[in-house]
N, C-alpha and C. Protein backbone atom coordinates (compact mmCIF):
# COMPACT_ATOMS: atom_id res chain seq x y z
N MET A 1 72.93 38.53 -16.13
CA MET A 1 72.93 39.53 -16.84
C MET A 1 72.91 40.28 -18.28
N LEU A 2 72.53 41.19 -18.96
CA LEU A 2 72.38 41.72 -19.92
C LEU A 2 73.14 42.51 -20.64
N GLU A 3 73.38 42.39 -21.92
CA GLU A 3 74.39 43.11 -22.04
C GLU A 3 75.08 44.42 -21.43
N HIS A 4 73.79 45.33 -21.25
CA HIS A 4 74.27 46.69 -20.90
C HIS A 4 74.06 46.85 -19.24
N GLY A 5 73.75 45.99 -18.54
CA GLY A 5 73.86 45.62 -16.95
C GLY A 5 75.24 45.75 -16.30
N TYR A 6 74.67 46.39 -14.91
CA TYR A 6 75.76 46.82 -13.89
C TYR A 6 75.85 46.21 -12.83
N LEU A 7 76.28 45.81 -12.22
CA LEU A 7 75.89 45.13 -10.98
C LEU A 7 77.62 45.59 -10.18
N GLU A 8 77.16 45.85 -9.00
CA GLU A 8 78.68 46.02 -7.86
C GLU A 8 77.92 45.51 -6.63
N GLY A 9 79.08 43.89 -6.19
CA GLY A 9 78.37 44.31 -5.04
C GLY A 9 78.52 42.65 -4.66
N GLU A 10 77.98 41.77 -3.99
CA GLU A 10 77.84 40.30 -3.73
C GLU A 10 76.63 39.95 -4.05
N VAL A 11 76.96 38.24 -4.90
CA VAL A 11 75.61 37.84 -5.11
C VAL A 11 75.71 36.36 -5.06
N SER A 12 74.86 35.65 -4.43
CA SER A 12 74.68 34.56 -4.01
C SER A 12 73.58 33.51 -5.11
N ALA A 13 74.12 32.99 -5.51
CA ALA A 13 73.02 32.11 -6.69
C ALA A 13 73.60 30.61 -7.48
N SER A 14 72.81 29.87 -7.33
CA SER A 14 72.84 28.95 -8.07
C SER A 14 73.54 28.42 -9.92
N GLU A 15 72.69 29.78 -10.43
CA GLU A 15 73.47 30.10 -11.53
C GLU A 15 73.85 31.85 -12.06
N PHE A 16 74.42 32.30 -12.56
CA PHE A 16 74.61 33.24 -12.86
C PHE A 16 75.58 33.86 -13.83
N THR A 17 74.72 34.62 -15.09
CA THR A 17 75.33 34.29 -16.25
C THR A 17 75.18 36.10 -17.04
N ILE A 18 76.61 36.48 -17.47
CA ILE A 18 76.63 37.68 -18.09
C ILE A 18 77.19 37.40 -19.32
N GLN A 19 76.05 38.32 -20.33
CA GLN A 19 76.01 38.44 -21.51
C GLN A 19 77.31 39.33 -21.63
N LYS A 20 78.26 39.13 -22.54
CA LYS A 20 78.95 40.17 -23.25
C LYS A 20 78.87 41.46 -23.33
N GLY A 21 79.31 42.60 -22.72
CA GLY A 21 79.37 44.06 -22.24
C GLY A 21 78.66 44.32 -21.18
N GLY A 22 77.75 43.06 -20.06
CA GLY A 22 77.72 43.13 -18.61
C GLY A 22 78.69 43.47 -17.84
N ILE A 23 78.62 44.28 -16.57
CA ILE A 23 79.42 44.36 -15.93
C ILE A 23 78.94 43.92 -14.78
N PHE A 24 80.28 43.30 -14.08
CA PHE A 24 80.03 42.94 -12.63
C PHE A 24 81.42 43.03 -11.95
N LEU A 25 81.37 43.70 -10.63
CA LEU A 25 82.92 43.90 -10.15
C LEU A 25 81.86 43.78 -8.39
N GLY A 26 82.54 42.65 -8.07
CA GLY A 26 82.31 41.93 -7.03
C GLY A 26 82.67 40.54 -6.59
N ASN A 27 81.77 39.68 -6.10
CA ASN A 27 81.98 38.63 -5.54
C ASN A 27 80.80 37.97 -5.74
N SER A 28 81.38 36.36 -6.27
CA SER A 28 80.06 35.72 -6.26
C SER A 28 80.61 34.43 -5.38
N LYS A 29 79.17 33.78 -4.92
CA LYS A 29 79.55 32.09 -4.38
C LYS A 29 77.76 31.49 -4.55
N ASN A 30 78.76 30.42 -5.25
CA ASN A 30 77.72 29.61 -5.70
C ASN A 30 76.83 28.93 -4.70
N VAL A 31 75.66 28.86 -4.70
CA VAL A 31 74.57 27.95 -3.65
C VAL A 31 73.72 27.28 -4.44
N LYS A 32 73.03 25.82 -3.85
CA LYS A 32 72.12 24.89 -3.93
C LYS A 32 71.00 26.18 -4.10
N SER A 33 70.16 25.13 -5.20
CA SER A 33 69.00 25.78 -5.80
C SER A 33 67.85 25.81 -4.91
N GLU A 34 68.07 25.24 -4.20
CA GLU A 34 67.01 24.90 -2.58
C GLU A 34 66.95 26.13 -1.41
N GLU A 35 68.38 26.75 -1.80
CA GLU A 35 68.76 28.06 -1.17
C GLU A 35 68.33 29.35 -1.62
N VAL A 36 67.87 29.24 -2.44
CA VAL A 36 67.81 30.40 -3.80
C VAL A 36 66.18 30.75 -3.37
N VAL A 37 66.58 32.10 -3.04
CA VAL A 37 64.49 32.99 -2.85
C VAL A 37 64.46 33.70 -3.77
N ALA A 38 63.11 33.36 -4.47
CA ALA A 38 63.00 34.18 -5.30
C ALA A 38 62.67 35.73 -4.77
N LEU A 39 62.58 37.11 -5.93
CA LEU A 39 62.22 38.58 -5.04
C LEU A 39 61.45 38.72 -6.41
N ASP A 40 60.69 39.82 -6.36
CA ASP A 40 60.30 40.44 -7.60
C ASP A 40 61.53 41.24 -7.67
N SER A 41 61.21 41.57 -9.27
CA SER A 41 62.38 42.48 -9.80
C SER A 41 61.78 43.60 -9.12
N ALA A 42 61.23 44.22 -8.83
CA ALA A 42 61.20 45.41 -8.48
C ALA A 42 61.91 45.91 -6.93
N LYS A 43 61.57 44.65 -6.30
CA LYS A 43 62.28 44.53 -5.02
C LYS A 43 63.59 44.62 -5.18
N LYS A 44 64.40 43.46 -5.93
CA LYS A 44 65.65 43.27 -6.50
C LYS A 44 66.23 44.56 -6.79
N ALA A 45 65.65 45.11 -7.97
CA ALA A 45 66.59 46.32 -8.23
C ALA A 45 66.35 47.45 -7.73
N SER A 46 65.64 47.70 -6.80
CA SER A 46 65.67 48.32 -5.10
C SER A 46 66.72 48.70 -4.78
N LYS A 47 66.82 47.22 -4.09
CA LYS A 47 67.84 46.95 -3.05
C LYS A 47 69.38 46.87 -3.99
N VAL A 48 69.23 46.39 -5.00
CA VAL A 48 71.01 46.91 -6.01
C VAL A 48 71.36 48.03 -5.78
N ARG A 49 70.23 48.93 -6.05
CA ARG A 49 70.40 50.34 -6.51
C ARG A 49 70.94 50.38 -4.83
N SER A 50 70.50 50.68 -3.94
CA SER A 50 70.49 50.88 -2.62
C SER A 50 71.92 50.53 -1.94
N LYS A 51 72.15 49.54 -2.31
CA LYS A 51 73.40 48.96 -1.64
C LYS A 51 74.84 49.63 -2.77
N ALA A 52 74.46 49.63 -3.46
CA ALA A 52 75.66 50.21 -4.73
C ALA A 52 75.89 51.62 -4.32
N GLU A 53 74.53 52.70 -3.74
CA GLU A 53 75.15 53.96 -3.25
C GLU A 53 75.42 53.92 -2.33
N ASP A 54 75.10 52.81 -0.98
CA ASP A 54 75.49 52.78 -0.25
C ASP A 54 77.47 52.46 0.52
N LYS A 55 77.22 51.38 -0.72
CA LYS A 55 78.67 51.23 -0.64
C LYS A 55 79.51 52.74 -1.20
N LYS A 56 79.09 53.16 -2.30
CA LYS A 56 79.56 54.74 -2.78
C LYS A 56 80.08 55.48 -1.68
N VAL A 57 78.93 55.98 -1.13
CA VAL A 57 79.07 56.58 0.67
C VAL A 57 80.18 55.78 1.01
N GLU A 58 80.31 55.13 1.55
CA GLU A 58 81.11 54.57 2.60
C GLU A 58 82.35 54.25 2.16
N GLN A 59 82.81 54.59 0.76
CA GLN A 59 84.12 54.71 -0.03
C GLN A 59 84.45 56.03 0.12
N CYS A 60 83.94 56.69 -0.15
CA CYS A 60 84.11 58.69 0.14
C CYS A 60 84.45 59.05 1.33
N ALA A 61 83.37 58.42 2.57
CA ALA A 61 84.25 58.40 3.32
C ALA A 61 85.66 58.43 4.34
């Protein structure tokens, strides 16, 4: 994650790096590299935003 990045939720990855200034609120799970599925960046960004928005709605309810 880059220095101004923000991620809220769950991450399953073989490697996960957060640069100084990046914010991660959630849980992480280490997985073997064979289990990791590559997504194109547009799909990944859309899913992250969608899940974060869903969680905010659930928390407000």
